[in-house]
Amino acid sequence: SFERDGKELKVIFKNGESISADIVILSIGVRPETTLARAAELTIGEAGGIAVNDYLQTSDESIYAIGDAIEFRHPITGKPWLNYLAGPANRQGRIVADNILGAHIPYEGAIGTSIAKVFDMTVASTGLAAKRLKQWGMEYQSSVTHSASHAGYYPDALPLTLKLTFHPKTGKLYGAQCVGYEGVDKRIDQIAGLIKRGG
């Protein structure tokens, strides 16, 4: 539970112990909302999302589904996964609108690139993290580097940390996460392009 303790928060654990904090962030995850799809007897996939084909049609071809509620195969692994990001959902919406009007445009999937600002820092991710690779039983290795945002001889270089996941034999990139004050977006952008093209 949580209690106010003057200007601070007190976090109380199940065992009765407590700690003080200035801020508490709850990051408890997301689940696809599939109640309507289940009521319509649409197929729910193994990842728990609404199963769709390449054209974003459900098991009833007259019904399309997009966004956080669908599962689609990951471009790197081919395994069904849930991708909770606005960019891919927007793209899916445009594809479905075209397909409803007679186009036959397939959705290519998304590798899951995201970026956020956390106070003064930037955090970004693309592709598959080690946790997901382990969950899927895939062989991988990781590399973590701590470097500066630009060349050290140029003023005001700031530290950043970059983690890469890759296949241990072929070196094929699986994913990356980066955290720092500047230059994070440029690195993740370049790596996302490489991953998408099988680099």
N, C-alpha and C. Protein backbone atom coordinates (compact mmCIF):
# COMPACT_ATOMS: atom_id res chain seq x y z
N SER A 1 0.85 -1.19 0.00
CA SER A 1 0.00 0.00 0.00
C SER A 1 0.88 1.24 0.00
N PHE A 2 0.23 2.40 -0.11
CA PHE A 2 0.94 3.68 -0.12
C PHE A 2 0.32 4.60 0.92
N GLU A 3 1.16 5.37 1.58
CA GLU A 3 0.67 6.36 2.53
C GLU A 3 1.46 7.64 2.36
N ARG A 4 0.84 8.76 2.68
CA ARG A 4 1.56 10.04 2.71
C ARG A 4 2.36 10.11 3.99
N ASP A 5 3.59 10.60 3.88
CA ASP A 5 4.45 10.77 5.05
C ASP A 5 5.07 12.16 4.93
N GLY A 6 4.31 13.18 5.34
CA GLY A 6 4.74 14.57 5.12
C GLY A 6 4.70 14.86 3.63
N LYS A 7 5.86 15.26 3.07
CA LYS A 7 5.94 15.53 1.64
C LYS A 7 6.33 14.29 0.84
N GLU A 8 6.69 13.24 1.53
CA GLU A 8 7.11 12.01 0.87
C GLU A 8 5.98 10.99 0.84
N LEU A 9 6.22 9.92 0.09
CA LEU A 9 5.30 8.79 0.07
C LEU A 9 5.96 7.64 0.83
N LYS A 10 5.15 6.87 1.50
CA LYS A 10 5.66 5.68 2.15
C LYS A 10 5.09 4.47 1.40
N VAL A 11 5.98 3.59 0.95
CA VAL A 11 5.58 2.37 0.26
C VAL A 11 5.67 1.24 1.28
N ILE A 12 4.54 0.59 1.53
CA ILE A 12 4.48 -0.47 2.54
C ILE A 12 4.34 -1.81 1.84
N PHE A 13 5.26 -2.73 2.16
CA PHE A 13 5.29 -4.05 1.54
C PHE A 13 4.42 -5.04 2.31
N LYS A 14 4.17 -6.16 1.70
CA LYS A 14 3.34 -7.21 2.29
C LYS A 14 3.87 -7.67 3.65
N ASN A 15 5.21 -7.70 3.78
CA ASN A 15 5.81 -8.19 5.03
C ASN A 15 5.82 -7.12 6.14
N GLY A 16 5.26 -5.94 5.87
CA GLY A 16 5.18 -4.88 6.87
C GLY A 16 6.31 -3.86 6.78
N GLU A 17 7.38 -4.20 6.07
CA GLU A 17 8.48 -3.24 5.90
C GLU A 17 8.01 -2.10 5.01
N SER A 18 8.69 -0.95 5.15
CA SER A 18 8.31 0.19 4.31
C SER A 18 9.56 0.98 3.92
N ILE A 19 9.43 1.73 2.83
CA ILE A 19 10.49 2.64 2.39
C ILE A 19 9.84 3.97 2.02
N SER A 20 10.62 5.03 2.10
CA SER A 20 10.13 6.34 1.69
C SER A 20 10.54 6.63 0.26
N ALA A 21 9.72 7.40 -0.45
CA ALA A 21 10.01 7.72 -1.84
C ALA A 21 9.48 9.11 -2.17
N ASP A 22 10.15 9.78 -3.09
CA ASP A 22 9.66 11.07 -3.59
C ASP A 22 8.57 10.87 -4.64
N ILE A 23 8.71 9.77 -5.40
CA ILE A 23 7.76 9.48 -6.47
C ILE A 23 7.66 7.97 -6.62
N VAL A 24 6.47 7.49 -6.99
CA VAL A 24 6.26 6.07 -7.24
C VAL A 24 5.64 5.95 -8.63
N ILE A 25 6.24 5.11 -9.45
CA ILE A 25 5.72 4.86 -10.80
C ILE A 25 5.28 3.40 -10.87
N LEU A 26 4.02 3.18 -11.16
CA LEU A 26 3.49 1.83 -11.33
C LEU A 26 3.46 1.49 -12.81
N SER A 27 4.20 0.49 -13.21
CA SER A 27 4.23 0.04 -14.60
C SER A 27 3.76 -1.40 -14.61
N ILE A 28 2.46 -1.58 -14.79
CA ILE A 28 1.86 -2.89 -14.55
C ILE A 28 1.46 -3.63 -15.82
N GLY A 29 1.77 -3.08 -16.99
CA GLY A 29 1.51 -3.80 -18.23
C GLY A 29 0.16 -3.51 -18.84
N VAL A 30 -0.07 -4.16 -19.98
CA VAL A 30 -1.26 -3.94 -20.79
C VAL A 30 -1.77 -5.30 -21.26
N ARG A 31 -3.08 -5.43 -21.39
CA ARG A 31 -3.66 -6.64 -21.97
C ARG A 31 -4.63 -6.24 -23.07
N PRO A 32 -4.72 -7.03 -24.16
CA PRO A 32 -5.67 -6.68 -25.22
C PRO A 32 -7.11 -6.82 -24.76
N GLU A 33 -7.94 -5.90 -25.15
CA GLU A 33 -9.38 -5.95 -24.83
C GLU A 33 -10.07 -6.73 -25.95
N THR A 34 -10.45 -7.96 -25.66
CA THR A 34 -10.99 -8.85 -26.69
C THR A 34 -12.43 -9.29 -26.41
N THR A 35 -13.11 -8.63 -25.48
CA THR A 35 -14.46 -9.04 -25.10
C THR A 35 -15.41 -9.08 -26.30
N LEU A 36 -15.42 -8.01 -27.09
CA LEU A 36 -16.30 -7.94 -28.26
C LEU A 36 -15.93 -9.01 -29.29
N ALA A 37 -14.63 -9.21 -29.50
CA ALA A 37 -14.17 -10.23 -30.46
C ALA A 37 -14.60 -11.63 -30.02
N ARG A 38 -14.48 -11.91 -28.74
CA ARG A 38 -14.91 -13.22 -28.21
C ARG A 38 -16.43 -13.39 -28.37
N ALA A 39 -17.17 -12.32 -28.10
CA ALA A 39 -18.63 -12.38 -28.25
C ALA A 39 -19.01 -12.63 -29.71
N ALA A 40 -18.20 -12.12 -30.63
CA ALA A 40 -18.45 -12.32 -32.06
C ALA A 40 -17.88 -13.65 -32.55
N GLU A 41 -17.29 -14.42 -31.62
CA GLU A 41 -16.70 -15.73 -31.90
C GLU A 41 -15.56 -15.66 -32.91
N LEU A 42 -14.77 -14.58 -32.81
CA LEU A 42 -13.58 -14.45 -33.64
C LEU A 42 -12.44 -15.24 -32.99
N THR A 43 -11.49 -15.67 -33.80
CA THR A 43 -10.36 -16.44 -33.28
C THR A 43 -9.43 -15.55 -32.47
N ILE A 44 -9.10 -16.01 -31.26
CA ILE A 44 -8.12 -15.34 -30.41
C ILE A 44 -6.84 -16.17 -30.54
N GLY A 45 -5.72 -15.50 -30.79
CA GLY A 45 -4.47 -16.18 -31.05
C GLY A 45 -3.74 -16.62 -29.79
N GLU A 46 -2.61 -17.27 -29.98
CA GLU A 46 -1.85 -17.83 -28.85
C GLU A 46 -1.26 -16.77 -27.93
N ALA A 47 -1.05 -15.53 -28.43
CA ALA A 47 -0.53 -14.45 -27.58
C ALA A 47 -1.65 -13.72 -26.84
N GLY A 48 -2.91 -14.11 -27.11
CA GLY A 48 -4.04 -13.52 -26.41
C GLY A 48 -4.71 -12.37 -27.13
N GLY A 49 -4.24 -12.04 -28.34
CA GLY A 49 -4.84 -10.97 -29.13
C GLY A 49 -5.75 -11.54 -30.21
N ILE A 50 -6.48 -10.66 -30.87
CA ILE A 50 -7.35 -11.08 -31.97
C ILE A 50 -6.46 -11.49 -33.14
N ALA A 51 -6.64 -12.72 -33.63
CA ALA A 51 -5.84 -13.22 -34.74
C ALA A 51 -6.29 -12.55 -36.03
N VAL A 52 -5.31 -12.04 -36.80
CA VAL A 52 -5.61 -11.41 -38.09
C VAL A 52 -4.68 -11.98 -39.16
N ASN A 53 -5.11 -11.87 -40.42
CA ASN A 53 -4.26 -12.30 -41.53
C ASN A 53 -3.42 -11.13 -42.02
N ASP A 54 -2.72 -11.30 -43.13
CA ASP A 54 -1.84 -10.26 -43.66
C ASP A 54 -2.58 -8.97 -44.00
N TYR A 55 -3.90 -9.08 -44.25
CA TYR A 55 -4.69 -7.91 -44.65
C TYR A 55 -5.50 -7.36 -43.47
N LEU A 56 -5.19 -7.85 -42.26
CA LEU A 56 -5.80 -7.41 -41.01
C LEU A 56 -7.26 -7.81 -40.88
N GLN A 57 -7.61 -8.90 -41.58
CA GLN A 57 -8.94 -9.47 -41.44
C GLN A 57 -8.91 -10.51 -40.32
N THR A 58 -9.98 -10.58 -39.58
CA THR A 58 -10.11 -11.58 -38.51
C THR A 58 -10.54 -12.91 -39.12
N SER A 59 -10.91 -13.87 -38.27
CA SER A 59 -11.40 -15.17 -38.77
C SER A 59 -12.71 -15.01 -39.53
N ASP A 60 -13.41 -13.91 -39.36
CA ASP A 60 -14.56 -13.55 -40.19
C ASP A 60 -14.04 -12.48 -41.15
N GLU A 61 -13.85 -12.84 -42.41
CA GLU A 61 -13.16 -11.93 -43.35
C GLU A 61 -13.87 -10.60 -43.57
N SER A 62 -15.11 -10.48 -43.14
CA SER A 62 -15.81 -9.19 -43.26
C SER A 62 -15.53 -8.28 -42.05
N ILE A 63 -14.77 -8.79 -41.07
CA ILE A 63 -14.43 -8.00 -39.88
C ILE A 63 -12.92 -7.82 -39.82
N TYR A 64 -12.49 -6.57 -39.74
CA TYR A 64 -11.07 -6.24 -39.61
C TYR A 64 -10.79 -5.86 -38.16
N ALA A 65 -9.53 -6.00 -37.74
CA ALA A 65 -9.14 -5.58 -36.40
C ALA A 65 -7.76 -4.95 -36.47
N ILE A 66 -7.54 -3.92 -35.64
CA ILE A 66 -6.25 -3.23 -35.62
C ILE A 66 -5.91 -2.80 -34.20
N GLY A 67 -4.68 -2.38 -34.01
CA GLY A 67 -4.28 -1.72 -32.77
C GLY A 67 -3.83 -2.68 -31.68
N ASP A 68 -4.00 -2.23 -30.44
CA ASP A 68 -3.50 -2.96 -29.28
C ASP A 68 -4.15 -4.32 -29.10
N ALA A 69 -5.33 -4.53 -29.67
CA ALA A 69 -6.06 -5.78 -29.44
C ALA A 69 -5.65 -6.91 -30.37
N ILE A 70 -4.85 -6.63 -31.41
CA ILE A 70 -4.50 -7.70 -32.36
C ILE A 70 -3.13 -8.29 -32.07
N GLU A 71 -2.97 -9.53 -32.53
CA GLU A 71 -1.63 -10.11 -32.55
C GLU A 71 -1.26 -10.35 -34.01
N PHE A 72 0.01 -10.08 -34.32
CA PHE A 72 0.51 -10.23 -35.68
C PHE A 72 1.92 -10.79 -35.56
N ARG A 73 2.38 -11.48 -36.56
CA ARG A 73 3.71 -12.09 -36.44
C ARG A 73 4.81 -11.02 -36.43
N HIS A 74 5.82 -11.26 -35.59
CA HIS A 74 6.94 -10.34 -35.49
C HIS A 74 7.81 -10.51 -36.74
N PRO A 75 8.22 -9.42 -37.40
CA PRO A 75 9.03 -9.52 -38.62
C PRO A 75 10.36 -10.27 -38.44
N ILE A 76 10.92 -10.28 -37.23
CA ILE A 76 12.20 -10.95 -37.02
C ILE A 76 12.01 -12.45 -36.81
N THR A 77 11.02 -12.82 -36.02
CA THR A 77 10.86 -14.22 -35.61
C THR A 77 9.72 -14.96 -36.31
N GLY A 78 8.74 -14.23 -36.79
CA GLY A 78 7.55 -14.87 -37.36
C GLY A 78 6.57 -15.32 -36.29
N LYS A 79 6.92 -15.14 -35.01
CA LYS A 79 6.05 -15.55 -33.91
C LYS A 79 4.98 -14.48 -33.66
N PRO A 80 3.75 -14.90 -33.29
CA PRO A 80 2.72 -13.91 -32.99
C PRO A 80 3.08 -13.10 -31.75
N TRP A 81 2.84 -11.80 -31.83
CA TRP A 81 3.13 -10.95 -30.67
C TRP A 81 2.18 -9.77 -30.64
N LEU A 82 2.12 -9.13 -29.48
CA LEU A 82 1.26 -7.98 -29.24
C LEU A 82 2.14 -6.74 -29.25
N ASN A 83 1.77 -5.74 -30.03
CA ASN A 83 2.59 -4.54 -30.18
C ASN A 83 1.75 -3.33 -29.78
N TYR A 84 1.98 -2.82 -28.57
CA TYR A 84 1.15 -1.73 -28.05
C TYR A 84 1.75 -0.37 -28.37
N LEU A 85 1.75 0.02 -29.64
CA LEU A 85 2.30 1.31 -30.05
C LEU A 85 1.36 2.02 -31.01
N ALA A 86 1.32 3.34 -30.90
CA ALA A 86 0.40 4.14 -31.72
C ALA A 86 0.79 4.17 -33.19
N GLY A 87 2.09 4.22 -33.49
CA GLY A 87 2.53 4.29 -34.88
C GLY A 87 2.04 3.12 -35.72
N PRO A 88 2.30 1.89 -35.29
CA PRO A 88 1.79 0.74 -36.05
C PRO A 88 0.26 0.72 -36.12
N ALA A 89 -0.42 1.09 -35.05
CA ALA A 89 -1.89 1.10 -35.05
C ALA A 89 -2.41 2.08 -36.10
N ASN A 90 -1.77 3.25 -36.20
CA ASN A 90 -2.16 4.24 -37.20
C ASN A 90 -1.98 3.68 -38.60
N ARG A 91 -0.84 3.04 -38.84
CA ARG A 91 -0.57 2.43 -40.16
C ARG A 91 -1.60 1.36 -40.48
N GLN A 92 -1.91 0.53 -39.47
CA GLN A 92 -2.91 -0.53 -39.68
C GLN A 92 -4.26 0.08 -40.07
N GLY A 93 -4.64 1.17 -39.41
CA GLY A 93 -5.91 1.84 -39.72
C GLY A 93 -5.98 2.32 -41.16
N ARG A 94 -4.86 2.86 -41.65
CA ARG A 94 -4.82 3.33 -43.04
C ARG A 94 -4.92 2.16 -44.02
N ILE A 95 -4.23 1.07 -43.69
CA ILE A 95 -4.27 -0.12 -44.56
C ILE A 95 -5.68 -0.69 -44.61
N VAL A 96 -6.33 -0.81 -43.43
CA VAL A 96 -7.69 -1.35 -43.39
C VAL A 96 -8.65 -0.46 -44.18
N ALA A 97 -8.53 0.86 -44.04
CA ALA A 97 -9.41 1.77 -44.80
C ALA A 97 -9.25 1.53 -46.29
N ASP A 98 -8.00 1.39 -46.75
CA ASP A 98 -7.77 1.12 -48.18
C ASP A 98 -8.33 -0.24 -48.59
N ASN A 99 -8.13 -1.25 -47.74
CA ASN A 99 -8.59 -2.60 -48.08
C ASN A 99 -10.11 -2.70 -48.10
N ILE A 100 -10.79 -1.97 -47.21
CA ILE A 100 -12.25 -1.95 -47.21
C ILE A 100 -12.75 -1.38 -48.54
N LEU A 101 -11.99 -0.43 -49.11
CA LEU A 101 -12.39 0.20 -50.37
C LEU A 101 -11.87 -0.57 -51.59
N GLY A 102 -11.37 -1.80 -51.37
CA GLY A 102 -11.02 -2.65 -52.50
C GLY A 102 -9.55 -2.86 -52.77
N ALA A 103 -8.69 -2.17 -52.07
CA ALA A 103 -7.25 -2.40 -52.25
C ALA A 103 -6.91 -3.76 -51.65
N HIS A 104 -5.74 -4.25 -51.94
CA HIS A 104 -5.29 -5.54 -51.40
C HIS A 104 -3.88 -5.34 -50.85
N ILE A 105 -3.78 -4.51 -49.80
CA ILE A 105 -2.48 -4.11 -49.25
C ILE A 105 -2.18 -4.94 -48.00
N PRO A 106 -1.07 -5.68 -48.03
CA PRO A 106 -0.72 -6.45 -46.82
C PRO A 106 -0.01 -5.57 -45.79
N TYR A 107 -0.16 -5.93 -44.54
CA TYR A 107 0.56 -5.27 -43.45
C TYR A 107 1.87 -6.02 -43.23
N GLU A 108 2.96 -5.28 -43.15
CA GLU A 108 4.29 -5.92 -43.06
C GLU A 108 4.74 -6.21 -41.64
N GLY A 109 3.99 -5.75 -40.66
CA GLY A 109 4.38 -5.95 -39.27
C GLY A 109 5.28 -4.83 -38.79
N ALA A 110 5.54 -4.80 -37.50
CA ALA A 110 6.37 -3.76 -36.90
C ALA A 110 7.32 -4.41 -35.90
N ILE A 111 8.54 -3.86 -35.81
CA ILE A 111 9.53 -4.43 -34.90
C ILE A 111 9.45 -3.84 -33.50
N GLY A 112 8.59 -2.85 -33.29
CA GLY A 112 8.35 -2.34 -31.94
C GLY A 112 9.32 -1.27 -31.48
N THR A 113 9.51 -0.24 -32.29
CA THR A 113 10.41 0.84 -31.91
C THR A 113 9.65 1.89 -31.10
N SER A 114 10.22 2.28 -29.95
CA SER A 114 9.55 3.28 -29.13
C SER A 114 10.59 4.18 -28.47
N ILE A 115 10.15 5.37 -28.09
CA ILE A 115 11.04 6.33 -27.44
C ILE A 115 10.22 7.15 -26.45
N ALA A 116 10.84 7.50 -25.33
CA ALA A 116 10.14 8.29 -24.32
C ALA A 116 11.13 9.17 -23.58
N LYS A 117 10.62 10.24 -23.03
CA LYS A 117 11.41 11.15 -22.21
C LYS A 117 11.07 10.84 -20.75
N VAL A 118 12.08 10.60 -19.95
CA VAL A 118 11.89 10.36 -18.52
C VAL A 118 12.68 11.44 -17.79
N PHE A 119 11.99 12.47 -17.33
CA PHE A 119 12.63 13.64 -16.75
C PHE A 119 13.61 14.20 -17.79
N ASP A 120 14.91 14.29 -17.49
CA ASP A 120 15.88 14.85 -18.44
C ASP A 120 16.46 13.81 -19.40
N MET A 121 16.15 12.56 -19.17
CA MET A 121 16.75 11.50 -19.96
C MET A 121 15.82 11.01 -21.06
N THR A 122 16.41 10.42 -22.09
CA THR A 122 15.66 9.79 -23.16
C THR A 122 15.92 8.29 -23.10
N VAL A 123 14.86 7.51 -23.21
CA VAL A 123 14.98 6.05 -23.26
C VAL A 123 14.31 5.58 -24.54
N ALA A 124 14.93 4.62 -25.20
CA ALA A 124 14.37 4.12 -26.46
C ALA A 124 14.67 2.65 -26.61
N SER A 125 13.84 2.00 -27.40
CA SER A 125 13.97 0.56 -27.61
C SER A 125 13.52 0.22 -29.02
N THR A 126 14.12 -0.82 -29.59
CA THR A 126 13.68 -1.33 -30.89
C THR A 126 13.94 -2.83 -30.94
N GLY A 127 13.12 -3.52 -31.70
CA GLY A 127 13.32 -4.96 -31.86
C GLY A 127 13.05 -5.74 -30.60
N LEU A 128 13.80 -6.83 -30.43
CA LEU A 128 13.55 -7.76 -29.34
C LEU A 128 14.60 -7.65 -28.25
N ALA A 129 14.13 -7.48 -27.03
CA ALA A 129 15.01 -7.42 -25.87
C ALA A 129 15.37 -8.83 -25.41
N ALA A 130 16.42 -8.93 -24.61
CA ALA A 130 16.90 -10.23 -24.12
C ALA A 130 15.79 -11.00 -23.41
N LYS A 131 14.98 -10.31 -22.63
CA LYS A 131 13.89 -10.97 -21.89
C LYS A 131 12.94 -11.69 -22.84
N ARG A 132 12.58 -11.04 -23.93
CA ARG A 132 11.67 -11.65 -24.92
C ARG A 132 12.35 -12.81 -25.64
N LEU A 133 13.62 -12.65 -26.01
CA LEU A 133 14.35 -13.73 -26.68
C LEU A 133 14.44 -14.96 -25.80
N LYS A 134 14.70 -14.73 -24.52
CA LYS A 134 14.77 -15.83 -23.55
C LYS A 134 13.40 -16.50 -23.43
N GLN A 135 12.35 -15.68 -23.37
CA GLN A 135 10.98 -16.18 -23.26
C GLN A 135 10.63 -17.07 -24.46
N TRP A 136 11.11 -16.68 -25.64
CA TRP A 136 10.82 -17.43 -26.85
C TRP A 136 11.82 -18.56 -27.11
N GLY A 137 12.78 -18.75 -26.20
CA GLY A 137 13.76 -19.82 -26.34
C GLY A 137 14.72 -19.63 -27.50
N MET A 138 15.03 -18.39 -27.82
CA MET A 138 15.93 -18.10 -28.93
C MET A 138 17.36 -17.89 -28.43
N GLU A 139 18.32 -18.41 -29.17
CA GLU A 139 19.73 -18.25 -28.84
C GLU A 139 20.14 -16.81 -29.15
N TYR A 140 20.83 -16.17 -28.22
CA TYR A 140 21.24 -14.79 -28.43
C TYR A 140 22.44 -14.45 -27.55
N GLN A 141 23.08 -13.35 -27.86
CA GLN A 141 24.08 -12.76 -27.00
C GLN A 141 23.76 -11.27 -26.88
N SER A 142 24.32 -10.64 -25.84
CA SER A 142 24.10 -9.22 -25.61
C SER A 142 25.43 -8.48 -25.53
N SER A 143 25.39 -7.23 -25.88
CA SER A 143 26.55 -6.36 -25.77
C SER A 143 26.08 -5.05 -25.14
N VAL A 144 26.77 -4.60 -24.10
CA VAL A 144 26.42 -3.32 -23.47
C VAL A 144 27.63 -2.39 -23.59
N THR A 145 27.39 -1.20 -24.12
CA THR A 145 28.47 -0.21 -24.22
C THR A 145 28.06 1.07 -23.50
N HIS A 146 29.04 1.70 -22.88
CA HIS A 146 28.85 2.99 -22.23
C HIS A 146 29.77 3.96 -22.97
N SER A 147 29.16 4.92 -23.64
CA SER A 147 29.97 5.85 -24.43
C SER A 147 29.42 7.27 -24.27
N ALA A 148 30.01 8.18 -24.99
CA ALA A 148 29.54 9.57 -24.98
C ALA A 148 28.62 9.81 -26.17
N SER A 149 27.78 10.82 -26.04
CA SER A 149 26.80 11.12 -27.08
C SER A 149 27.44 11.61 -28.38
N HIS A 150 28.65 12.15 -28.27
CA HIS A 150 29.43 12.51 -29.46
C HIS A 150 30.91 12.48 -29.08
N ALA A 151 31.77 12.76 -30.03
CA ALA A 151 33.21 12.68 -29.81
C ALA A 151 33.64 13.50 -28.59
N GLY A 152 34.49 12.89 -27.77
CA GLY A 152 34.89 13.49 -26.51
C GLY A 152 35.67 14.80 -26.64
N TYR A 153 36.35 14.99 -27.79
CA TYR A 153 37.12 16.23 -27.95
C TYR A 153 36.22 17.43 -28.25
N TYR A 154 34.95 17.16 -28.58
CA TYR A 154 33.99 18.25 -28.81
C TYR A 154 33.25 18.48 -27.49
N PRO A 155 33.07 19.72 -27.08
CA PRO A 155 32.49 20.01 -25.75
C PRO A 155 31.08 19.45 -25.53
N ASP A 156 30.79 19.25 -24.27
CA ASP A 156 29.46 18.89 -23.79
C ASP A 156 28.98 17.49 -24.20
N ALA A 157 29.89 16.56 -24.40
CA ALA A 157 29.49 15.18 -24.65
C ALA A 157 28.89 14.61 -23.36
N LEU A 158 27.77 13.90 -23.48
CA LEU A 158 27.07 13.34 -22.33
C LEU A 158 27.05 11.81 -22.42
N PRO A 159 27.02 11.13 -21.28
CA PRO A 159 27.07 9.66 -21.30
C PRO A 159 25.77 9.04 -21.80
N LEU A 160 25.90 7.89 -22.45
CA LEU A 160 24.74 7.09 -22.80
C LEU A 160 25.11 5.62 -22.74
N THR A 161 24.11 4.78 -22.56
CA THR A 161 24.30 3.34 -22.49
C THR A 161 23.46 2.69 -23.57
N LEU A 162 24.07 1.76 -24.31
CA LEU A 162 23.40 1.06 -25.40
C LEU A 162 23.56 -0.44 -25.22
N LYS A 163 22.45 -1.15 -25.28
CA LYS A 163 22.49 -2.62 -25.22
C LYS A 163 21.97 -3.18 -26.53
N LEU A 164 22.74 -4.09 -27.12
CA LEU A 164 22.34 -4.77 -28.34
C LEU A 164 22.10 -6.24 -28.05
N THR A 165 21.11 -6.84 -28.70
CA THR A 165 20.93 -8.29 -28.68
C THR A 165 21.09 -8.77 -30.11
N PHE A 166 21.73 -9.94 -30.28
CA PHE A 166 22.04 -10.43 -31.62
C PHE A 166 22.24 -11.94 -31.60
N HIS A 167 22.20 -12.55 -32.78
CA HIS A 167 22.43 -13.99 -32.90
C HIS A 167 23.92 -14.24 -32.67
N PRO A 168 24.28 -15.21 -31.82
CA PRO A 168 25.69 -15.40 -31.46
C PRO A 168 26.60 -15.88 -32.60
N LYS A 169 26.03 -16.52 -33.63
CA LYS A 169 26.87 -17.03 -34.72
C LYS A 169 26.85 -16.11 -35.95
N THR A 170 25.66 -15.67 -36.33
CA THR A 170 25.56 -14.86 -37.55
C THR A 170 25.74 -13.36 -37.29
N GLY A 171 25.51 -12.94 -36.06
CA GLY A 171 25.60 -11.52 -35.72
C GLY A 171 24.36 -10.74 -36.10
N LYS A 172 23.33 -11.43 -36.63
CA LYS A 172 22.09 -10.74 -37.01
C LYS A 172 21.51 -10.01 -35.80
N LEU A 173 21.20 -8.73 -35.97
CA LEU A 173 20.66 -7.92 -34.89
C LEU A 173 19.23 -8.31 -34.56
N TYR A 174 18.95 -8.42 -33.26
CA TYR A 174 17.59 -8.68 -32.80
C TYR A 174 16.95 -7.45 -32.19
N GLY A 175 17.73 -6.67 -31.43
CA GLY A 175 17.12 -5.54 -30.76
C GLY A 175 18.14 -4.64 -30.09
N ALA A 176 17.68 -3.51 -29.59
CA ALA A 176 18.54 -2.56 -28.89
C ALA A 176 17.72 -1.72 -27.93
N GLN A 177 18.36 -1.34 -26.83
CA GLN A 177 17.79 -0.37 -25.90
C GLN A 177 18.88 0.65 -25.60
N CYS A 178 18.48 1.90 -25.48
CA CYS A 178 19.45 2.95 -25.24
C CYS A 178 18.87 3.96 -24.24
N VAL A 179 19.74 4.47 -23.37
CA VAL A 179 19.33 5.49 -22.42
C VAL A 179 20.43 6.54 -22.32
N GLY A 180 20.05 7.80 -22.30
CA GLY A 180 21.02 8.88 -22.21
C GLY A 180 20.33 10.22 -22.28
N TYR A 181 21.14 11.26 -22.40
CA TYR A 181 20.60 12.62 -22.41
C TYR A 181 20.44 13.18 -23.82
N GLU A 182 21.30 12.75 -24.74
CA GLU A 182 21.15 13.17 -26.14
C GLU A 182 21.77 12.11 -27.04
N GLY A 183 21.32 12.07 -28.29
CA GLY A 183 21.85 11.11 -29.26
C GLY A 183 21.19 9.75 -29.23
N VAL A 184 20.28 9.53 -28.28
CA VAL A 184 19.59 8.25 -28.16
C VAL A 184 18.74 7.98 -29.40
N ASP A 185 17.97 8.97 -29.83
CA ASP A 185 17.08 8.81 -30.98
C ASP A 185 17.84 8.45 -32.25
N LYS A 186 18.97 9.08 -32.48
CA LYS A 186 19.75 8.81 -33.69
C LYS A 186 20.23 7.36 -33.73
N ARG A 187 20.71 6.87 -32.59
CA ARG A 187 21.22 5.50 -32.53
C ARG A 187 20.11 4.48 -32.74
N ILE A 188 18.99 4.66 -32.05
CA ILE A 188 17.89 3.71 -32.18
C ILE A 188 17.31 3.75 -33.59
N ASP A 189 17.24 4.92 -34.19
CA ASP A 189 16.73 5.06 -35.56
C ASP A 189 17.58 4.25 -36.54
N GLN A 190 18.89 4.38 -36.43
CA GLN A 190 19.79 3.65 -37.33
C GLN A 190 19.70 2.14 -37.10
N ILE A 191 19.67 1.73 -35.84
CA ILE A 191 19.60 0.30 -35.52
C ILE A 191 18.27 -0.29 -35.98
N ALA A 192 17.17 0.46 -35.80
CA ALA A 192 15.85 -0.02 -36.24
C ALA A 192 15.85 -0.28 -37.75
N GLY A 193 16.47 0.61 -38.51
CA GLY A 193 16.57 0.41 -39.95
C GLY A 193 17.35 -0.84 -40.29
N LEU A 194 18.44 -1.08 -39.57
CA LEU A 194 19.25 -2.30 -39.81
C LEU A 194 18.47 -3.56 -39.47
N ILE A 195 17.78 -3.53 -38.33
CA ILE A 195 17.00 -4.71 -37.91
C ILE A 195 15.91 -5.01 -38.92
N LYS A 196 15.19 -3.99 -39.34
CA LYS A 196 14.07 -4.16 -40.29
C LYS A 196 14.55 -4.78 -41.60
N ARG A 197 15.81 -4.52 -41.97
CA ARG A 197 16.36 -5.05 -43.22
C ARG A 197 17.22 -6.30 -43.01
N GLY A 198 17.13 -6.88 -41.82
CA GLY A 198 17.84 -8.12 -41.54
C GLY A 198 19.33 -7.97 -41.35
N GLY A 199 19.80 -6.80 -40.91
CA GLY A 199 21.23 -6.52 -40.77
C GLY A 199 21.88 -7.28 -39.63
